[in-house]
Protein backbone atom coordinates (compact mmCIF):
# COMPACT_ATOMS: atom_id res chain seq x y z
CA MET A 1 0.00 0.00 0.00
CA GLY A 2 0.96 3.65 -0.38
CA LYS A 3 1.37 6.44 2.16
CA THR A 4 -0.66 6.51 5.35
CA ILE A 5 -3.47 9.03 5.92
CA LEU A 6 -4.74 9.50 9.47
CA ILE A 7 -8.39 10.64 9.39
CA ILE A 8 -9.98 12.42 12.32
CA GLY A 9 -13.72 11.76 12.50
CA GLY A 10 -15.84 8.80 11.43
CA GLY A 11 -18.75 10.82 10.09
CA ILE A 12 -19.87 10.72 6.47
CA ALA A 13 -16.99 12.90 5.21
CA GLY A 14 -14.36 10.89 7.08
CA LEU A 15 -15.76 7.53 6.00
CA ALA A 16 -16.07 8.64 2.36
CA ALA A 17 -12.53 10.02 2.41
CA GLY A 18 -11.34 6.73 3.85
CA CYS A 19 -13.06 4.77 1.08
CA TYR A 20 -11.53 6.87 -1.68
CA ALA A 21 -8.14 6.79 0.04
CA GLN A 22 -8.21 3.00 0.09
CA MET A 23 -9.39 2.82 -3.52
CA SER A 24 -6.57 5.16 -4.56
CA GLY A 25 -3.86 3.03 -2.98
CA PHE A 26 -3.32 4.78 0.36
CA THR A 27 -3.38 3.19 3.79
CA SER A 28 -5.83 4.96 6.07
CA ARG A 29 -6.98 4.86 9.69
CA ILE A 30 -10.02 6.64 11.10
CA PHE A 31 -10.18 7.89 14.71
CA GLU A 32 -13.76 8.39 15.93
CA LEU A 33 -14.70 9.69 19.39
CA HIS A 34 -18.05 7.83 19.50
CA ARG A 35 -18.62 4.07 19.64
CA ILE A 36 -20.55 4.08 16.35
CA PRO A 37 -19.93 5.62 12.90
CA GLY A 38 -21.81 8.49 11.30
CA GLY A 39 -21.15 11.57 13.43
CA LEU A 40 -24.15 13.84 12.95
CA CYS A 41 -25.65 11.30 10.53
CA THR A 42 -27.07 9.11 13.27
CA SER A 43 -30.09 7.43 14.86
CA TRP A 44 -30.65 5.99 18.31
CA ARG A 45 -32.96 3.39 19.81
CA ARG A 46 -35.19 3.89 22.80
CA LYS A 47 -37.09 0.71 23.66
CA GLU A 48 -38.95 -0.33 20.49
CA TYR A 49 -38.50 3.02 18.74
CA VAL A 50 -35.68 4.39 16.59
CA PHE A 51 -35.21 8.17 16.59
CA ASP A 52 -33.41 9.72 13.64
CA GLY A 53 -31.26 12.82 13.89
CA ALA A 54 -30.26 13.57 10.32
CA ILE A 55 -31.49 12.35 6.93
CA ARG A 56 -34.89 13.64 5.95
CA TYR A 57 -34.04 13.29 2.29
CA LEU A 58 -30.93 12.36 0.34
CA SER A 59 -29.88 13.63 -3.09
CA GLY A 60 -28.81 11.25 -5.82
CA THR A 61 -31.30 8.48 -5.07
CA HIS A 62 -32.42 8.13 -8.71
CA PRO A 63 -30.12 5.73 -10.59
CA GLN A 64 -30.07 8.02 -13.64
CA SER A 65 -29.01 11.16 -11.75
CA ARG A 66 -25.42 12.40 -11.85
CA GLU A 67 -25.18 12.45 -8.06
CA HIS A 68 -26.11 8.75 -7.90
CA ARG A 69 -22.63 8.02 -9.21
CA LEU A 70 -21.27 9.08 -5.80
CA TRP A 71 -23.33 6.41 -4.02
CA GLU A 72 -22.40 3.82 -6.65
CA GLU A 73 -18.70 4.51 -6.09
CA LEU A 74 -19.21 4.16 -2.33
CA GLY A 75 -21.27 0.98 -2.71
CA LEU A 76 -24.39 2.50 -1.17
CA LEU A 77 -28.18 2.41 -1.77
CA GLN A 78 -28.18 -0.67 -4.06
CA ASP A 79 -30.29 -2.68 -1.60
CA ARG A 80 -32.04 0.20 0.14
CA GLU A 81 -35.68 0.99 -0.56
CA ILE A 82 -36.23 4.72 -1.16
CA HIS A 83 -39.29 6.60 0.01
CA TYR A 84 -40.34 9.62 -2.07
CA TYR A 85 -42.45 12.35 -0.51
CA ASP A 86 -45.67 13.70 -1.99
CA GLU A 87 -45.31 16.77 0.23
CA PHE A 88 -42.18 18.54 1.40
CA ILE A 89 -43.95 20.45 4.16
CA ARG A 90 -47.46 21.66 5.00
CA PHE A 91 -47.75 25.13 6.54
CA GLU A 92 -50.96 25.81 8.44
CA GLY A 93 -51.92 29.46 8.79
CA ARG A 94 -54.02 31.05 11.48
CA ASP A 95 -56.79 31.73 8.97
CA GLY A 96 -57.56 28.01 8.61
CA ARG A 97 -55.87 27.63 5.22
CA SER A 98 -52.81 25.51 4.46
CA LEU A 99 -49.90 26.06 2.11
CA VAL A 100 -48.69 22.68 0.88
CA LEU A 101 -45.36 22.45 -0.89
CA TYR A 102 -46.13 19.47 -3.09
CA THR A 103 -43.14 17.76 -4.66
CA ASP A 104 -44.99 17.32 -7.96
CA ILE A 105 -44.60 20.64 -9.82
CA ASP A 106 -47.93 20.41 -11.68
CA ARG A 107 -49.79 19.69 -8.46
CA LEU A 108 -47.98 22.51 -6.68
CA GLU A 109 -48.91 24.96 -9.44
CA ALA A 110 -52.60 24.04 -9.29
CA HIS A 111 -52.57 24.33 -5.49
CA LEU A 112 -50.92 27.77 -5.49
CA LEU A 113 -53.32 29.10 -8.11
CA GLU A 114 -56.26 27.84 -6.07
CA LEU A 115 -54.87 29.55 -2.96
CA SER A 116 -54.07 32.86 -4.61
CA PRO A 117 -55.31 33.46 -8.18
CA GLN A 118 -54.36 37.13 -7.80
CA ASP A 119 -50.69 36.03 -7.68
CA ARG A 120 -50.90 34.19 -11.00
CA ASP A 121 -47.92 35.97 -12.61
CA LEU A 122 -45.62 35.44 -9.63
CA ILE A 123 -46.70 31.80 -9.33
CA ALA A 124 -45.85 31.33 -13.01
CA ASP A 125 -42.37 32.77 -12.31
CA LEU A 126 -41.85 30.32 -9.44
CA ILE A 127 -43.10 27.32 -11.41
CA GLN A 128 -40.93 28.22 -14.40
CA GLY A 129 -37.94 28.40 -12.06
CA LEU A 130 -38.75 24.92 -10.77
CA ARG A 131 -39.10 23.54 -14.29
CA ASP A 132 -35.78 25.14 -15.25
CA TYR A 133 -34.03 23.58 -12.27
CA THR A 134 -35.25 20.09 -13.16
CA ARG A 135 -32.63 20.34 -15.93
CA MET A 136 -29.80 21.06 -13.50
CA GLU A 137 -27.42 18.25 -12.60
CA LEU A 138 -24.61 19.33 -10.34
CA PRO A 139 -21.15 17.77 -10.70
CA LEU A 140 -19.74 15.66 -7.88
CA ASP A 141 -17.01 18.26 -7.31
CA LEU A 142 -18.86 21.44 -6.36
CA THR A 143 -15.81 23.27 -5.01
CA PRO A 144 -13.15 23.18 -7.74
CA SER A 145 -9.59 23.63 -6.50
CA SER A 146 -7.81 23.82 -9.85
CA ALA A 147 -8.25 25.49 -13.22
CA GLN A 148 -9.16 22.16 -14.78
CA GLU A 149 -11.85 21.49 -12.19
CA MET A 150 -13.18 25.04 -12.59
CA LEU A 151 -13.45 24.52 -16.35
CA ALA A 152 -15.30 21.25 -15.87
CA LEU A 153 -17.75 22.94 -13.49
CA GLY A 154 -18.29 25.76 -15.96
CA GLN A 155 -19.04 23.34 -18.79
CA THR A 156 -21.53 21.48 -16.63
CA MET A 157 -23.29 24.68 -15.55
CA MET A 158 -23.31 26.34 -18.98
CA PRO A 159 -26.76 25.04 -20.06
CA MET A 160 -28.19 26.47 -16.82
CA ILE A 161 -26.45 29.83 -16.88
CA GLY A 162 -29.69 31.76 -17.45
CA PRO A 163 -31.63 30.29 -14.50
CA VAL A 164 -28.54 30.42 -12.28
CA LEU A 165 -28.02 34.14 -12.94
CA ARG A 166 -31.77 34.77 -12.61
CA TRP A 167 -31.99 33.35 -9.09
CA ARG A 168 -28.43 33.49 -7.75
CA GLY A 169 -28.78 36.54 -5.51
CA VAL A 170 -32.48 36.18 -4.65
CA THR A 171 -33.47 35.19 -1.13
CA VAL A 172 -36.67 33.32 -0.27
CA PRO A 173 -38.00 36.15 1.95
CA GLN A 174 -37.38 38.69 -0.83
CA PHE A 175 -39.33 36.61 -3.30
CA ALA A 176 -42.11 35.76 -0.84
CA GLN A 177 -42.78 39.41 0.00
CA ARG A 178 -43.86 39.97 -3.60
CA PHE A 179 -46.97 37.78 -3.12
CA GLN A 180 -50.27 39.48 -2.38
CA ASP A 181 -51.58 36.52 -0.40
CA PRO A 182 -50.51 36.74 3.29
CA LEU A 183 -50.31 32.94 3.67
CA LEU A 184 -47.76 32.70 0.85
CA ARG A 185 -45.80 35.65 2.19
CA GLU A 186 -45.60 34.05 5.64
CA GLY A 187 -45.26 30.38 4.74
CA LEU A 188 -42.79 30.32 1.87
CA PRO A 189 -39.83 31.69 3.92
CA LEU A 190 -40.38 28.80 6.35
CA PHE A 191 -39.77 26.27 3.58
CA PHE A 192 -36.69 25.18 5.57
CA GLN A 193 -36.94 25.26 9.33
CA PHE A 194 -34.46 27.71 10.92
CA SER A 195 -33.76 29.37 7.56
CA ARG A 196 -32.15 32.79 7.81
CA PRO A 197 -33.35 36.01 6.12
CA ASP A 198 -30.67 35.50 3.44
CA PHE A 199 -31.69 31.91 2.68
CA PRO A 200 -31.13 31.37 -1.08
CA MET A 201 -34.04 30.89 -3.44
CA MET A 202 -31.79 28.63 -5.54
CA LEU A 203 -31.84 26.02 -2.78
CA LEU A 204 -35.62 25.98 -2.62
CA LEU A 205 -35.80 25.55 -6.39
CA THR A 206 -33.13 22.85 -6.48
CA THR A 207 -34.71 20.83 -3.67
CA LEU A 208 -38.26 20.82 -5.01
CA ALA A 209 -37.07 20.25 -8.59
CA ASN A 210 -35.04 17.22 -7.49
CA MET A 211 -37.97 15.85 -5.51
CA ASN A 212 -40.20 16.25 -8.56
CA ASP A 213 -37.71 14.11 -10.53
CA HIS A 214 -37.28 11.55 -7.70
CA GLU A 215 -33.64 12.57 -7.37
CA CYS A 216 -34.23 13.20 -3.65
CA GLY A 217 -35.65 10.56 -1.35
CA TYR A 218 -35.39 9.00 2.08
CA PRO A 219 -33.44 5.71 2.43
CA ILE A 220 -35.50 3.28 4.48
CA GLY A 221 -33.65 2.41 7.67
CA GLY A 222 -32.58 5.98 8.38
CA SER A 223 -29.33 7.72 9.12
CA LEU A 224 -27.39 5.26 11.29
CA ALA A 225 -28.12 2.37 8.93
CA PHE A 226 -26.83 4.50 6.05
CA ALA A 227 -23.66 5.39 8.00
CA GLN A 228 -23.11 1.78 9.01
CA ASP A 229 -23.32 0.71 5.37
CA LEU A 230 -20.64 3.26 4.52
CA ALA A 231 -18.47 2.16 7.46
CA GLN A 232 -18.73 -1.46 6.32
CA ARG A 233 -17.74 -0.46 2.79
CA TYR A 234 -14.66 1.26 4.23
CA LEU A 235 -13.72 -1.82 6.28
CA ASP A 236 -14.23 -4.07 3.25
CA LEU A 237 -11.74 -1.88 1.37
CA GLY A 238 -9.14 -2.59 4.07
CA GLY A 239 -9.50 0.52 6.24
CA GLU A 240 -9.30 0.68 10.03
CA ILE A 241 -11.71 2.44 12.40
CA HIS A 242 -10.67 3.17 15.97
CA TYR A 243 -13.80 3.91 18.00
CA ARG A 244 -13.84 5.71 21.36
CA SER A 245 -10.62 7.37 20.18
CA ARG A 246 -10.96 11.11 20.68
CA VAL A 247 -8.06 13.03 19.15
CA ALA A 248 -6.63 15.58 21.59
CA LYS A 249 -3.84 17.04 19.44
CA ILE A 250 -2.54 17.00 15.89
CA LEU A 251 1.21 16.32 15.97
CA VAL A 252 3.28 18.76 13.94
CA ASP A 253 6.95 18.65 12.93
CA THR A 254 8.37 22.17 13.31
CA ARG A 255 12.08 21.39 13.03
CA GLY A 256 12.91 23.89 10.34
CA PRO A 257 12.37 24.57 6.64
CA VAL A 258 15.13 22.44 5.11
CA GLY A 259 13.76 20.68 2.04
CA ARG A 260 10.24 21.80 2.67
CA ARG A 261 7.90 23.57 0.33
CA GLY A 262 7.74 27.19 1.45
CA GLY A 263 9.33 26.32 4.79
CA ASN A 264 6.01 25.07 6.18
CA ASP A 265 5.55 22.81 9.17
CA LEU A 266 4.36 19.23 8.61
CA ALA A 267 1.40 17.35 10.10
CA VAL A 268 2.85 13.99 11.13
CA GLY A 269 0.32 12.33 13.43
CA VAL A 270 -2.27 12.53 16.18
CA ARG A 271 -2.27 12.16 19.94
CA LEU A 272 -5.38 10.64 21.47
CA GLU A 273 -7.04 11.65 24.72
CA ASP A 274 -5.53 8.60 26.42
CA GLY A 275 -2.03 9.72 25.41
CA ALA A 276 -1.49 7.18 22.62
CA GLU A 277 0.24 8.59 19.54
CA HIS A 278 -0.24 7.50 15.94
CA HIS A 279 2.00 8.68 13.12
CA GLY A 280 1.36 8.87 9.40
CA ASP A 281 2.41 10.62 6.23
CA MET A 282 -0.47 13.12 6.37
CA VAL A 283 -3.44 14.06 8.54
CA LEU A 284 -6.98 14.69 7.31
CA SER A 285 -9.52 16.22 9.69
CA ALA A 286 -13.12 15.44 8.87
CA ALA A 287 -14.12 16.61 12.33
CA ASP A 288 -15.50 19.89 13.63
CA GLY A 289 -13.66 22.77 11.99
CA HIS A 290 -13.46 25.04 15.02
CA SER A 291 -12.06 22.40 17.37
CA THR A 292 -9.65 21.20 14.67
CA ILE A 293 -8.18 24.64 14.01
CA PHE A 294 -8.31 26.24 17.45
CA ASP A 295 -7.96 23.23 19.77
CA LEU A 296 -6.18 20.37 18.03
CA LEU A 297 -3.83 22.81 16.26
CA GLU A 298 -4.03 25.48 19.00
CA GLY A 299 -4.84 28.23 16.49
CA GLN A 300 -1.31 28.20 15.09
CA TYR A 301 -2.28 27.91 11.41
CA THR A 302 -5.03 30.35 10.56
CA GLY A 303 -4.41 33.71 8.94
CA PRO A 304 -7.00 36.49 8.47
CA ARG A 305 -9.16 34.56 6.02
CA VAL A 306 -9.69 31.50 8.19
CA ARG A 307 -10.22 33.53 11.34
CA SER A 308 -12.81 35.71 9.62
CA TYR A 309 -14.90 32.64 8.81
CA TYR A 310 -15.18 31.62 12.45
CA GLN A 311 -15.63 35.18 13.69
CA LYS A 312 -18.19 36.42 11.15
CA MET A 313 -19.94 33.62 9.28
CA PRO A 314 -23.16 32.35 10.86
CA VAL A 315 -23.22 28.70 11.89
CA ALA A 316 -26.22 26.40 11.62
CA GLN A 317 -28.81 26.84 14.33
CA SER A 318 -28.38 24.98 17.60
CA ILE A 319 -31.46 22.86 18.26
CA VAL A 320 -33.32 20.77 20.79
CA GLN A 321 -34.81 17.61 19.30
CA VAL A 322 -37.82 16.15 21.09
CA SER A 323 -38.55 12.61 19.85
CA LEU A 324 -41.67 10.67 20.77
CA GLY A 325 -42.73 7.07 20.34
CA VAL A 326 -46.54 7.00 20.18
CA ALA A 327 -49.17 4.28 19.99
CA GLN A 328 -50.88 5.91 17.03
CA ASP A 329 -50.49 5.56 13.26
CA PHE A 330 -49.57 8.87 11.61
CA ALA A 331 -49.26 7.41 8.10
CA ASN A 332 -52.14 9.55 6.79
CA GLU A 333 -50.77 12.77 8.28
CA PRO A 334 -48.47 15.21 6.45
CA PRO A 335 -44.85 13.99 6.77
CA ALA A 336 -43.82 17.49 7.91
CA LEU A 337 -46.31 19.93 9.41
CA SER A 338 -45.76 23.49 10.62
CA PHE A 339 -48.69 24.67 12.72
CA PRO A 340 -49.32 27.72 14.92
CA LEU A 341 -49.65 27.55 18.70
CA PRO A 342 -52.61 29.27 20.39
CA GLU A 343 -50.13 31.28 22.46
CA PRO A 344 -46.35 31.68 22.15
CA VAL A 345 -44.37 29.45 24.49
CA ASP A 346 -40.86 29.83 25.90
CA LEU A 347 -38.86 26.68 25.12
CA GLY A 348 -35.49 26.71 26.83
CA GLY A 349 -35.24 30.47 26.75
CA VAL A 350 -36.35 30.81 23.10
CA PRO A 351 -39.90 31.96 22.24
CA HIS A 352 -41.85 29.79 19.77
CA ASP A 353 -45.19 30.64 18.17
CA ARG A 354 -45.43 27.45 16.10
CA LEU A 355 -44.09 23.90 16.05
CA VAL A 356 -42.81 21.77 13.17
CA LEU A 357 -43.76 18.11 13.52
CA LYS A 358 -42.21 15.34 11.42
CA HIS A 359 -43.19 11.68 11.49
CA TYR A 360 -41.51 8.52 10.17
CA SER A 361 -44.53 6.30 9.57
CA PHE A 362 -43.26 5.64 6.03
CA ASP A 363 -40.30 3.73 7.52
CA PRO A 364 -41.39 0.42 9.08
CA GLN A 365 -38.03 0.07 10.82
CA MET A 366 -38.61 3.04 13.11
CA ALA A 367 -41.59 1.86 15.20
CA PRO A 368 -43.74 -1.20 15.90
CA GLU A 369 -46.55 -1.74 13.40
CA GLY A 370 -49.40 0.71 13.96
CA ASN A 371 -47.21 3.00 16.06
CA SER A 372 -45.21 6.06 15.01
CA VAL A 373 -42.07 8.06 15.70
CA LEU A 374 -42.63 11.83 15.94
CA SER A 375 -39.85 14.40 15.90
CA VAL A 376 -39.96 18.09 16.81
CA TRP A 377 -36.92 20.32 16.31
CA CYS A 378 -36.90 23.55 18.29
CA GLU A 379 -34.53 26.48 18.01
CA ALA A 380 -32.21 26.45 21.02
CA ASP A 381 -29.91 28.75 22.95
CA TYR A 382 -26.60 26.90 23.26
CA ASP A 383 -25.34 29.01 26.18
CA HIS A 384 -28.56 28.36 28.11
CA TRP A 385 -28.17 24.59 27.85
CA ARG A 386 -24.43 24.67 28.39
CA GLU A 387 -24.88 26.48 31.70
CA LEU A 388 -27.63 24.07 32.77
CA ARG A 389 -25.40 21.07 32.01
CA ALA A 390 -23.14 22.04 34.91
CA ASP A 391 -25.98 21.00 37.26
CA ARG A 392 -27.16 17.54 36.20
CA LYS A 393 -30.37 17.74 38.22
CA ALA A 394 -31.32 21.15 36.80
CA TYR A 395 -30.41 20.00 33.29
CA ARG A 396 -32.64 16.91 33.50
CA ALA A 397 -35.47 18.97 34.94
CA ALA A 398 -35.18 21.51 32.11
CA LYS A 399 -35.29 18.76 29.48
CA LYS A 400 -38.36 17.23 31.13
CA GLN A 401 -40.11 20.60 31.28
CA LEU A 402 -39.36 21.35 27.63
CA ALA A 403 -40.69 17.95 26.53
CA GLU A 404 -43.90 18.54 28.50
CA GLN A 405 -44.32 21.94 26.85
CA VAL A 406 -43.80 20.48 23.38
CA ILE A 407 -46.29 17.68 24.07
CA ALA A 408 -48.81 20.23 25.33
CA GLY A 409 -48.30 22.19 22.11
CA LEU A 410 -48.81 19.06 20.01
CA GLU A 411 -52.04 18.32 21.86
CA THR A 412 -53.50 21.61 20.64
CA ARG A 413 -53.29 20.08 17.14
CA TYR A 414 -53.73 16.39 18.08
CA PRO A 415 -55.99 16.22 21.19
CA GLY A 416 -55.29 13.26 23.45
CA LEU A 417 -51.85 12.59 21.97
CA GLY A 418 -50.20 12.73 25.38
CA ASP A 419 -52.08 9.64 26.56
CA ARG A 420 -50.65 7.60 23.67
CA ILE A 421 -46.98 8.54 24.17
CA GLU A 422 -44.84 5.57 25.18
CA VAL A 423 -41.30 6.97 24.90
CA VAL A 424 -39.88 10.50 25.24
CA ASP A 425 -36.32 11.50 24.32
CA VAL A 426 -34.75 14.98 24.39
CA ALA A 427 -31.44 15.89 22.71
CA THR A 428 -30.05 19.36 23.40
CA PRO A 429 -27.13 21.29 21.86
CA VAL A 430 -24.81 19.88 24.51
CA THR A 431 -25.95 16.38 23.49
CA TYR A 432 -24.77 17.14 19.97
CA GLU A 433 -21.56 18.58 21.36
CA ARG A 434 -20.93 15.54 23.54
CA TYR A 435 -21.33 12.96 20.78
CA THR A 436 -19.96 14.86 17.77
CA ALA A 437 -17.83 17.72 19.21
CA ASN A 438 -19.68 20.06 16.84
CA TRP A 439 -19.04 23.73 17.60
CA ARG A 440 -21.74 25.18 19.88
CA GLY A 441 -23.73 21.99 19.38
CA ALA A 442 -24.88 23.01 15.90
CA PHE A 443 -26.64 20.23 14.01
CA ALA A 444 -24.78 21.13 10.80
CA GLY A 445 -21.88 23.36 9.75
CA TRP A 446 -22.35 26.85 8.38
CA ALA A 447 -25.84 28.32 8.02
CA LEU A 448 -27.29 28.26 4.51
CA THR A 449 -27.06 31.74 2.97
CA THR A 450 -26.73 33.32 -0.47
CA ARG A 451 -23.06 33.98 0.34
CA LYS A 452 -22.51 30.29 0.95
CA MET A 453 -24.19 29.38 -2.33
CA SER A 454 -21.80 31.74 -4.13
CA MET A 455 -18.84 30.23 -2.29
CA MET A 456 -19.89 26.74 -3.39
CA MET A 457 -19.82 27.82 -7.02
CA THR A 458 -16.50 29.68 -6.86
CA GLY A 459 -14.13 27.31 -5.10
CA GLY A 460 -15.58 26.96 -1.61
CA MET A 461 -13.40 27.16 1.47
CA PRO A 462 -9.76 26.08 1.54
CA LYS A 463 -9.13 22.45 2.50
CA THR A 464 -5.64 23.27 3.74
CA LEU A 465 -4.28 25.72 6.30
CA PRO A 466 -1.53 28.33 5.82
CA GLY A 467 1.89 27.30 7.09
CA LEU A 468 1.05 23.62 7.46
CA ASP A 469 1.77 20.94 4.86
CA ARG A 470 0.53 17.36 4.76
CA PHE A 471 -2.70 18.50 6.39
CA TYR A 472 -6.18 18.60 4.85
CA MET A 473 -9.78 19.18 5.93
CA ALA A 474 -13.06 17.75 4.68
CA GLY A 475 -16.72 17.89 5.62
CA GLN A 476 -19.36 20.47 6.36
CA TRP A 477 -16.91 23.08 7.64
CA VAL A 478 -15.15 23.38 4.27
CA GLU A 479 -18.09 22.51 1.98
CA PRO A 480 -20.76 25.19 2.29
CA GLY A 481 -24.04 23.32 2.36
CA GLY A 482 -23.34 20.81 5.10
CA ASN A 483 -25.69 17.95 4.15
CA VAL A 484 -24.95 14.24 3.83
CA GLU A 485 -24.26 14.12 0.11
CA LEU A 486 -22.02 17.21 0.20
CA SER A 487 -20.10 15.72 3.12
CA ALA A 488 -19.54 12.52 1.15
CA ALA A 489 -18.57 14.51 -1.95
CA SER A 490 -16.14 16.49 0.22
CA GLY A 491 -14.40 13.28 1.26
CA ARG A 492 -14.14 12.34 -2.40
CA ASP A 493 -12.84 15.77 -3.40
CA VAL A 494 -10.13 15.99 -0.75
CA ILE A 495 -8.69 12.59 -1.70
CA ALA A 496 -8.66 13.72 -5.34
CA ASP A 497 -6.66 16.77 -4.19
CA ILE A 498 -4.25 14.57 -2.22
CA CYS A 499 -3.76 12.32 -5.25
CA ARG A 500 -2.99 15.36 -7.38
CA ASP A 501 -0.49 16.65 -4.80
CA GLU A 502 1.14 13.22 -4.51
CA GLY A 503 1.20 12.60 -8.25
CA VAL A 504 -0.81 9.37 -8.09
CA PRO A 505 -4.02 8.37 -9.91
CA PHE A 506 -7.34 9.07 -8.20
CA ARG A 507 -9.42 5.90 -8.32
CA VAL A 508 -13.11 5.40 -7.65
CA SER A 509 -13.36 1.61 -7.75
């Protein structure tokens, strides 16, 4: 085998990077702090129920889509049934009407025209945008790091240049405010839960267009099963995973510039929390970006550009996830429902005037037959929960209180639900931090904004750090977007970069 790559983090980016490293002739070892693979792409069992913390839909599920090639290379999805949604989300207004974002474009158009015939021209603009984006197929490498890769991206995007320029700088709130109908003005910006005021319209169009074409779906079995399949693929390729192996420090050789490119230091290994050291030819961090740069490397290799990201760019929202196992079949309910509360409620220090309920009744592996798993994500204040965590009793009491408040809110929409609840589970931002080390307990990397969309199309964030050679980064902290498929593509992309730097062929089989 070739040179050794030490990979920090056994999430989707780290596992994908490991697979491509093995396929390209490297020896690789993954160090994962948890006892299971997947990182943020995970599920957990409570009694007879499985609660999912990540995949609601996955791009590239259609065998004819360009993105499906990624899963083929990684040996995924061949034996997994895919569920395709009829609705992305249903938004209930206080006037008794509902805005339903159907995944079928024709059905969505008819629904919008029925809701607001006075907005016919604007609806036509939206629907045309969706039809245009059904023609878009993004390349696997969304963040080109060379002139050749930039050219390939440009050639791929050329047929879509008109729609891309038309929508590139438009935010969902900007577009929604043009509607005359108040339900459309209010509901459309909540297309994605926790979306910011600068949430890009391009992402709404891309998501619904892909769902219309069955290029986005949910893999039956959920997030942990998906991650375990990827971990098994990595092991089958000859890789090693060291679980319960938290990296405490990246080892760096600083003995002078002789024979080194630009006089840079070299990443030569990792030291684990238990003091054990492992050495390799290069180090790849697919872990949390902030802890990697400012803790494992002690902030020694940053520069103004890197520091500005972590000082100024917004991160994904910290959340509390309340998961319920209920003795009731929700199969005939909307898969995602946003509904208003009679009165605003304070949940962990954050006011909420509506709840978003998701169910998993389409996945028979999540609950006993006739029962359902329900999931409610609530915006959270990380500092609030971090302070509570110092007092275990107060922390547990706060989680119990929040769950009771959420259940009371759900009962305003589903009377009597509380009597049918069999299991309650609450995950806070410090839960995310504990199991994934993600900065401030965020459930993803950077927040989705128009700036991030532009960064994705113009090279993304650097996968190396100034002053340090033989070190690379992958995952949601260098790939603006932060979802499962982009994390996997990031692992692919960084190994392609390493192969280019090492002068060896990049292989995908």
